[in-house]
């Protein structure tokens, strides 16, 4: 791995719908990039990736979360540098969203709708990984 790799972490945040109990996945809209993604962000120097993932979830969504299984790590290039994002499944346990300059909108969607709304194809695989983790066959 290159020394200039940007390390980040995030979660595929989920809950049971307060209306019908169906699974919903949280997506955030970042106005800077005009994209829909899972909550994630760069790690602080020396920060544990899981701690960073939970911090980013709370900062971006206002939700507290209980971490679950580790999901696949995503690697890609961003701004000419390699980027590695470690992900976990996480169940939302409370909190409330307040729009801010980094994230201006939040949606809770059924998995199929979340897959469709995600801007980056690489993020869609994480929805499938979450479904496999929550319902192992």
N, C-alpha and C. Protein backbone atom coordinates (compact mmCIF):
# COMPACT_ATOMS: atom_id res chain seq x y z
N UNK A 1 0.84 -1.18 0.00
CA UNK A 1 0.00 0.00 0.00
C UNK A 1 0.89 1.25 0.00
N UNK A 2 0.52 2.21 -0.77
CA UNK A 2 1.30 3.44 -0.91
C UNK A 2 1.21 4.31 0.34
N UNK A 3 2.30 5.03 0.61
CA UNK A 3 2.34 5.91 1.78
C UNK A 3 1.37 7.07 1.68
N UNK A 4 0.98 7.43 0.45
CA UNK A 4 0.09 8.59 0.32
C UNK A 4 -1.40 8.18 0.25
N UNK A 5 -1.70 6.95 0.63
CA UNK A 5 -3.09 6.49 0.65
C UNK A 5 -3.89 7.30 1.67
N UNK A 6 -5.06 7.75 1.23
CA UNK A 6 -6.00 8.44 2.12
C UNK A 6 -6.83 7.36 2.80
N UNK A 7 -6.84 7.35 4.12
CA UNK A 7 -7.60 6.36 4.89
C UNK A 7 -8.89 6.99 5.39
N UNK A 8 -9.99 6.30 5.14
CA UNK A 8 -11.30 6.77 5.55
C UNK A 8 -12.10 5.56 6.07
N UNK A 9 -13.22 5.85 6.69
CA UNK A 9 -14.08 4.79 7.20
C UNK A 9 -15.52 5.27 7.20
N UNK A 10 -16.43 4.30 7.13
CA UNK A 10 -17.84 4.64 7.14
C UNK A 10 -18.68 3.43 7.47
N UNK A 11 -19.98 3.64 7.41
CA UNK A 11 -20.92 2.57 7.73
C UNK A 11 -22.03 2.53 6.70
N UNK A 12 -22.56 1.34 6.50
CA UNK A 12 -23.83 1.19 5.82
C UNK A 12 -24.84 1.17 6.97
N UNK A 13 -25.45 2.32 7.17
CA UNK A 13 -26.33 2.55 8.32
C UNK A 13 -27.73 2.05 7.97
N UNK A 14 -28.32 1.26 8.89
CA UNK A 14 -29.63 0.70 8.63
C UNK A 14 -30.52 0.81 9.87
N UNK A 15 -31.80 0.64 9.61
CA UNK A 15 -32.80 0.63 10.68
C UNK A 15 -34.01 -0.15 10.18
N UNK A 16 -34.90 -0.42 11.11
CA UNK A 16 -36.21 -0.97 10.75
C UNK A 16 -37.18 0.21 10.66
N UNK A 17 -37.94 0.27 9.59
CA UNK A 17 -38.88 1.37 9.38
C UNK A 17 -39.83 1.52 10.55
N UNK A 18 -40.00 2.77 11.03
CA UNK A 18 -40.96 3.00 12.11
C UNK A 18 -42.40 2.75 11.66
N UNK A 19 -42.64 2.69 10.35
CA UNK A 19 -43.99 2.49 9.82
C UNK A 19 -44.34 1.00 9.73
N UNK A 20 -43.48 0.22 9.06
CA UNK A 20 -43.85 -1.18 8.80
C UNK A 20 -42.77 -2.20 9.20
N UNK A 21 -41.68 -1.74 9.79
CA UNK A 21 -40.65 -2.66 10.23
C UNK A 21 -39.72 -3.16 9.13
N UNK A 22 -39.90 -2.68 7.92
CA UNK A 22 -39.05 -3.11 6.80
C UNK A 22 -37.65 -2.49 6.93
N UNK A 23 -36.69 -3.17 6.36
CA UNK A 23 -35.31 -2.68 6.39
C UNK A 23 -35.17 -1.41 5.56
N UNK A 24 -34.48 -0.41 6.13
CA UNK A 24 -34.18 0.84 5.43
C UNK A 24 -32.69 1.14 5.59
N UNK A 25 -32.13 1.71 4.54
CA UNK A 25 -30.71 2.09 4.53
C UNK A 25 -30.61 3.60 4.41
N UNK A 26 -29.70 4.17 5.18
CA UNK A 26 -29.51 5.62 5.19
C UNK A 26 -28.50 6.04 4.12
N UNK A 27 -28.88 7.02 3.32
CA UNK A 27 -27.95 7.63 2.36
C UNK A 27 -27.87 9.12 2.66
N UNK A 28 -26.68 9.68 2.43
CA UNK A 28 -26.48 11.11 2.64
C UNK A 28 -26.14 11.78 1.32
N UNK A 29 -26.60 13.02 1.19
CA UNK A 29 -26.30 13.84 0.01
C UNK A 29 -25.26 14.88 0.38
N UNK A 30 -24.16 14.89 -0.37
CA UNK A 30 -23.09 15.85 -0.13
C UNK A 30 -23.12 16.91 -1.23
N UNK A 31 -23.49 18.14 -0.88
CA UNK A 31 -23.62 19.17 -1.91
C UNK A 31 -22.31 19.48 -2.63
N UNK A 32 -21.18 19.33 -1.95
CA UNK A 32 -19.87 19.61 -2.57
C UNK A 32 -19.67 18.75 -3.81
N UNK A 33 -20.13 17.50 -3.74
CA UNK A 33 -19.96 16.56 -4.86
C UNK A 33 -21.28 16.28 -5.59
N UNK A 34 -22.39 16.78 -5.06
CA UNK A 34 -23.73 16.50 -5.56
C UNK A 34 -23.91 15.00 -5.76
N UNK A 35 -23.59 14.22 -4.70
CA UNK A 35 -23.73 12.78 -4.80
C UNK A 35 -24.47 12.21 -3.59
N UNK A 36 -24.92 10.98 -3.76
CA UNK A 36 -25.56 10.22 -2.70
C UNK A 36 -24.63 9.09 -2.33
N UNK A 37 -24.34 8.94 -1.05
CA UNK A 37 -23.39 7.92 -0.60
C UNK A 37 -23.75 7.44 0.79
N UNK A 38 -22.99 6.44 1.23
CA UNK A 38 -23.06 6.00 2.62
C UNK A 38 -22.27 7.00 3.46
N UNK A 39 -22.64 7.23 4.71
CA UNK A 39 -21.85 8.14 5.55
C UNK A 39 -20.43 7.61 5.75
N UNK A 40 -19.46 8.48 5.49
CA UNK A 40 -18.06 8.09 5.61
C UNK A 40 -17.21 9.35 5.67
N UNK A 41 -15.95 9.19 6.07
CA UNK A 41 -15.06 10.34 6.07
C UNK A 41 -13.64 9.93 6.41
N UNK A 42 -12.76 10.88 6.23
CA UNK A 42 -11.33 10.64 6.50
C UNK A 42 -11.10 10.41 7.98
N UNK A 43 -10.15 9.52 8.25
CA UNK A 43 -9.76 9.25 9.63
C UNK A 43 -8.82 10.33 10.13
N UNK A 44 -8.92 10.62 11.40
CA UNK A 44 -7.96 11.52 12.04
C UNK A 44 -6.68 10.73 12.29
N UNK A 45 -5.58 11.42 12.40
CA UNK A 45 -4.29 10.76 12.61
C UNK A 45 -4.36 9.83 13.82
N UNK A 46 -4.01 8.56 13.62
CA UNK A 46 -3.99 7.58 14.69
C UNK A 46 -5.35 7.06 15.12
N UNK A 47 -6.43 7.49 14.46
CA UNK A 47 -7.78 7.09 14.85
C UNK A 47 -8.07 5.64 14.43
N UNK A 48 -8.68 4.89 15.32
CA UNK A 48 -9.12 3.53 15.00
C UNK A 48 -10.20 3.62 13.91
N UNK A 49 -10.10 2.78 12.86
CA UNK A 49 -11.08 2.88 11.78
C UNK A 49 -12.54 2.73 12.21
N UNK A 50 -12.85 1.79 13.11
CA UNK A 50 -14.23 1.64 13.54
C UNK A 50 -14.70 2.87 14.32
N UNK A 51 -13.85 3.39 15.19
CA UNK A 51 -14.21 4.61 15.93
C UNK A 51 -14.45 5.77 14.96
N UNK A 52 -13.61 5.86 13.94
CA UNK A 52 -13.77 6.91 12.94
C UNK A 52 -15.06 6.74 12.15
N UNK A 53 -15.39 5.50 11.82
CA UNK A 53 -16.63 5.24 11.07
C UNK A 53 -17.84 5.69 11.88
N UNK A 54 -17.86 5.34 13.17
CA UNK A 54 -18.99 5.74 14.02
C UNK A 54 -19.04 7.25 14.23
N UNK A 55 -17.87 7.88 14.34
CA UNK A 55 -17.81 9.34 14.48
C UNK A 55 -18.39 9.99 13.22
N UNK A 56 -17.98 9.50 12.06
CA UNK A 56 -18.47 10.08 10.81
C UNK A 56 -19.98 9.90 10.66
N UNK A 57 -20.49 8.73 11.05
CA UNK A 57 -21.93 8.51 10.99
C UNK A 57 -22.66 9.55 11.83
N UNK A 58 -22.17 9.76 13.06
CA UNK A 58 -22.85 10.72 13.93
C UNK A 58 -22.72 12.15 13.40
N UNK A 59 -21.53 12.50 12.89
CA UNK A 59 -21.35 13.86 12.36
C UNK A 59 -22.22 14.11 11.13
N UNK A 60 -22.32 13.12 10.25
CA UNK A 60 -23.02 13.33 8.99
C UNK A 60 -24.53 13.10 9.08
N UNK A 61 -24.97 12.22 9.99
CA UNK A 61 -26.39 11.87 10.03
C UNK A 61 -27.09 12.28 11.32
N UNK A 62 -26.32 12.57 12.36
CA UNK A 62 -26.91 12.85 13.67
C UNK A 62 -27.32 11.59 14.40
N UNK A 63 -27.08 10.43 13.80
CA UNK A 63 -27.51 9.15 14.40
C UNK A 63 -26.39 8.51 15.22
N UNK A 64 -26.80 7.97 16.35
CA UNK A 64 -25.93 7.05 17.08
C UNK A 64 -26.14 5.68 16.46
N UNK A 65 -25.10 4.85 16.51
CA UNK A 65 -25.20 3.56 15.84
C UNK A 65 -24.45 2.49 16.61
N UNK A 66 -24.96 1.27 16.49
CA UNK A 66 -24.30 0.10 17.06
C UNK A 66 -23.64 -0.64 15.91
N UNK A 67 -22.32 -0.80 15.96
CA UNK A 67 -21.64 -1.46 14.84
C UNK A 67 -21.93 -2.95 14.79
N UNK A 68 -21.95 -3.45 13.58
CA UNK A 68 -22.13 -4.88 13.35
C UNK A 68 -20.91 -5.43 12.63
N UNK A 69 -21.15 -6.28 11.66
CA UNK A 69 -20.06 -6.95 10.96
C UNK A 69 -19.29 -5.99 10.07
N UNK A 70 -18.04 -6.34 9.87
CA UNK A 70 -17.20 -5.59 8.94
C UNK A 70 -17.67 -5.92 7.53
N UNK A 71 -17.73 -4.91 6.70
CA UNK A 71 -18.12 -5.07 5.30
C UNK A 71 -16.86 -4.90 4.43
N UNK A 72 -16.96 -5.16 3.13
CA UNK A 72 -15.77 -5.04 2.29
C UNK A 72 -15.14 -3.65 2.32
N UNK A 73 -13.83 -3.63 2.22
CA UNK A 73 -13.08 -2.38 2.09
C UNK A 73 -13.14 -1.95 0.63
N UNK A 74 -13.34 -0.66 0.42
CA UNK A 74 -13.43 -0.12 -0.94
C UNK A 74 -12.17 0.69 -1.22
N UNK A 75 -11.57 0.45 -2.39
CA UNK A 75 -10.36 1.17 -2.79
C UNK A 75 -10.60 1.83 -4.14
N UNK A 76 -10.19 3.08 -4.25
CA UNK A 76 -10.32 3.80 -5.52
C UNK A 76 -9.38 4.99 -5.48
N UNK A 77 -9.31 5.71 -6.58
CA UNK A 77 -8.47 6.90 -6.63
C UNK A 77 -9.34 8.13 -6.48
N UNK A 78 -8.88 9.08 -5.67
CA UNK A 78 -9.61 10.34 -5.45
C UNK A 78 -8.60 11.47 -5.43
N UNK A 79 -8.78 12.42 -6.29
CA UNK A 79 -7.87 13.55 -6.33
C UNK A 79 -6.44 13.14 -6.67
N UNK A 80 -6.29 12.09 -7.46
CA UNK A 80 -4.97 11.65 -7.87
C UNK A 80 -4.24 10.81 -6.82
N UNK A 81 -4.93 10.48 -5.72
CA UNK A 81 -4.31 9.68 -4.66
C UNK A 81 -5.15 8.43 -4.41
N UNK A 82 -4.49 7.33 -4.02
CA UNK A 82 -5.27 6.15 -3.66
C UNK A 82 -6.05 6.40 -2.37
N UNK A 83 -7.26 5.88 -2.33
CA UNK A 83 -8.11 6.04 -1.14
C UNK A 83 -8.61 4.66 -0.74
N UNK A 84 -8.63 4.42 0.56
CA UNK A 84 -9.13 3.17 1.12
C UNK A 84 -10.18 3.51 2.16
N UNK A 85 -11.39 2.95 1.98
CA UNK A 85 -12.47 3.19 2.92
C UNK A 85 -12.90 1.87 3.54
N UNK A 86 -12.74 1.76 4.85
CA UNK A 86 -13.18 0.58 5.60
C UNK A 86 -14.63 0.80 6.02
N UNK A 87 -15.46 -0.22 5.83
CA UNK A 87 -16.89 -0.10 6.14
C UNK A 87 -17.35 -1.16 7.13
N UNK A 88 -18.37 -0.78 7.90
CA UNK A 88 -19.06 -1.70 8.80
C UNK A 88 -20.55 -1.55 8.58
N UNK A 89 -21.29 -2.61 8.87
CA UNK A 89 -22.74 -2.50 9.01
C UNK A 89 -22.97 -1.83 10.36
N UNK A 90 -23.98 -0.98 10.46
CA UNK A 90 -24.28 -0.33 11.74
C UNK A 90 -25.77 -0.05 11.81
N UNK A 91 -26.35 -0.41 12.96
CA UNK A 91 -27.77 -0.17 13.17
C UNK A 91 -27.97 1.16 13.88
N UNK A 92 -28.80 2.02 13.30
CA UNK A 92 -29.12 3.32 13.91
C UNK A 92 -29.93 3.08 15.18
N UNK A 93 -29.55 3.77 16.25
CA UNK A 93 -30.24 3.58 17.53
C UNK A 93 -30.86 4.86 18.07
N UNK A 94 -30.78 5.93 17.34
CA UNK A 94 -31.38 7.18 17.82
C UNK A 94 -30.62 8.37 17.28
N UNK A 95 -31.13 9.54 17.61
CA UNK A 95 -30.53 10.77 17.11
C UNK A 95 -31.42 11.41 16.08
N UNK A 96 -31.01 12.59 15.62
CA UNK A 96 -31.79 13.27 14.59
C UNK A 96 -30.86 14.06 13.69
N UNK A 97 -31.24 14.14 12.43
CA UNK A 97 -30.45 14.78 11.39
C UNK A 97 -30.67 16.28 11.36
N UNK A 98 -29.58 17.02 11.28
CA UNK A 98 -29.63 18.47 11.05
C UNK A 98 -28.76 18.75 9.83
N UNK A 99 -29.35 19.33 8.77
CA UNK A 99 -28.56 19.64 7.59
C UNK A 99 -27.38 20.55 7.94
N UNK A 100 -26.27 20.36 7.24
CA UNK A 100 -25.08 21.19 7.46
C UNK A 100 -24.36 21.37 6.13
N UNK A 101 -23.21 22.02 6.15
CA UNK A 101 -22.51 22.32 4.90
C UNK A 101 -21.95 21.07 4.23
N UNK A 102 -21.68 20.02 5.01
CA UNK A 102 -21.11 18.80 4.44
C UNK A 102 -22.19 17.86 3.91
N UNK A 103 -23.30 17.75 4.65
CA UNK A 103 -24.42 16.89 4.26
C UNK A 103 -25.70 17.70 4.39
N UNK A 104 -26.37 17.91 3.24
CA UNK A 104 -27.58 18.75 3.29
C UNK A 104 -28.89 17.97 3.26
N UNK A 105 -28.80 16.67 2.90
CA UNK A 105 -30.02 15.85 2.86
C UNK A 105 -29.69 14.43 3.30
N UNK A 106 -30.69 13.76 3.83
CA UNK A 106 -30.56 12.38 4.28
C UNK A 106 -31.83 11.65 3.89
N UNK A 107 -31.69 10.43 3.41
CA UNK A 107 -32.84 9.60 3.05
C UNK A 107 -32.72 8.23 3.69
N UNK A 108 -33.86 7.70 4.13
CA UNK A 108 -33.96 6.29 4.55
C UNK A 108 -34.73 5.60 3.46
N UNK A 109 -34.10 4.62 2.81
CA UNK A 109 -34.70 3.96 1.66
C UNK A 109 -34.67 2.44 1.78
N UNK A 110 -35.65 1.75 1.17
CA UNK A 110 -35.54 0.30 1.07
C UNK A 110 -34.27 -0.05 0.28
N UNK A 111 -33.70 -1.22 0.50
CA UNK A 111 -32.43 -1.56 -0.14
C UNK A 111 -32.40 -1.38 -1.66
N UNK A 112 -33.45 -1.81 -2.36
CA UNK A 112 -33.45 -1.68 -3.83
C UNK A 112 -33.40 -0.21 -4.24
N UNK A 113 -34.14 0.64 -3.54
CA UNK A 113 -34.13 2.07 -3.85
C UNK A 113 -32.79 2.70 -3.50
N UNK A 114 -32.20 2.25 -2.40
CA UNK A 114 -30.89 2.77 -2.01
C UNK A 114 -29.85 2.43 -3.07
N UNK A 115 -29.87 1.18 -3.56
CA UNK A 115 -28.92 0.77 -4.61
C UNK A 115 -29.06 1.69 -5.82
N UNK A 116 -30.31 1.99 -6.19
CA UNK A 116 -30.57 2.82 -7.37
C UNK A 116 -30.12 4.27 -7.15
N UNK A 117 -30.29 4.78 -5.95
CA UNK A 117 -30.00 6.20 -5.66
C UNK A 117 -28.50 6.47 -5.51
N UNK A 118 -27.73 5.47 -5.06
CA UNK A 118 -26.30 5.68 -4.85
C UNK A 118 -25.62 6.13 -6.14
N UNK A 119 -24.78 7.14 -6.02
CA UNK A 119 -24.12 7.70 -7.19
C UNK A 119 -23.03 6.78 -7.73
N UNK A 120 -22.20 6.23 -6.84
CA UNK A 120 -21.07 5.40 -7.26
C UNK A 120 -21.44 3.92 -7.28
N UNK A 121 -21.20 3.24 -8.41
CA UNK A 121 -21.48 1.80 -8.47
C UNK A 121 -20.78 1.02 -7.36
N UNK A 122 -19.58 1.44 -6.96
CA UNK A 122 -18.85 0.70 -5.91
C UNK A 122 -19.61 0.71 -4.59
N UNK A 123 -20.45 1.71 -4.36
CA UNK A 123 -21.23 1.78 -3.12
C UNK A 123 -22.41 0.80 -3.14
N UNK A 124 -22.85 0.41 -4.34
CA UNK A 124 -24.00 -0.50 -4.46
C UNK A 124 -23.65 -1.88 -3.92
N UNK A 125 -22.40 -2.30 -4.13
CA UNK A 125 -21.98 -3.61 -3.63
C UNK A 125 -22.08 -3.69 -2.11
N UNK A 126 -21.93 -2.55 -1.45
CA UNK A 126 -22.02 -2.53 0.02
C UNK A 126 -23.45 -2.79 0.49
N UNK A 127 -24.44 -2.40 -0.28
CA UNK A 127 -25.83 -2.71 0.05
C UNK A 127 -26.01 -4.22 0.03
N UNK A 128 -25.48 -4.87 -1.02
CA UNK A 128 -25.58 -6.33 -1.12
C UNK A 128 -24.85 -7.00 0.04
N UNK A 129 -23.68 -6.47 0.40
CA UNK A 129 -22.91 -7.04 1.51
C UNK A 129 -23.69 -6.91 2.82
N UNK A 130 -24.36 -5.79 3.02
CA UNK A 130 -25.19 -5.62 4.22
C UNK A 130 -26.32 -6.64 4.24
N UNK A 131 -27.01 -6.80 3.12
CA UNK A 131 -28.12 -7.75 3.06
C UNK A 131 -27.64 -9.16 3.37
N UNK A 132 -26.48 -9.54 2.84
CA UNK A 132 -25.93 -10.86 3.12
C UNK A 132 -25.59 -11.00 4.61
N UNK A 133 -25.08 -9.93 5.20
CA UNK A 133 -24.69 -9.98 6.62
C UNK A 133 -25.91 -10.08 7.53
N UNK A 134 -27.00 -9.41 7.15
CA UNK A 134 -28.19 -9.41 7.99
C UNK A 134 -29.03 -10.67 7.78
N UNK A 135 -28.89 -11.31 6.63
CA UNK A 135 -29.68 -12.50 6.34
C UNK A 135 -28.80 -13.57 5.71
N UNK A 136 -27.85 -14.11 6.49
CA UNK A 136 -26.95 -15.13 5.91
C UNK A 136 -27.74 -16.38 5.53
N UNK A 137 -27.42 -16.90 4.38
CA UNK A 137 -28.14 -18.08 3.88
C UNK A 137 -27.42 -19.34 4.25
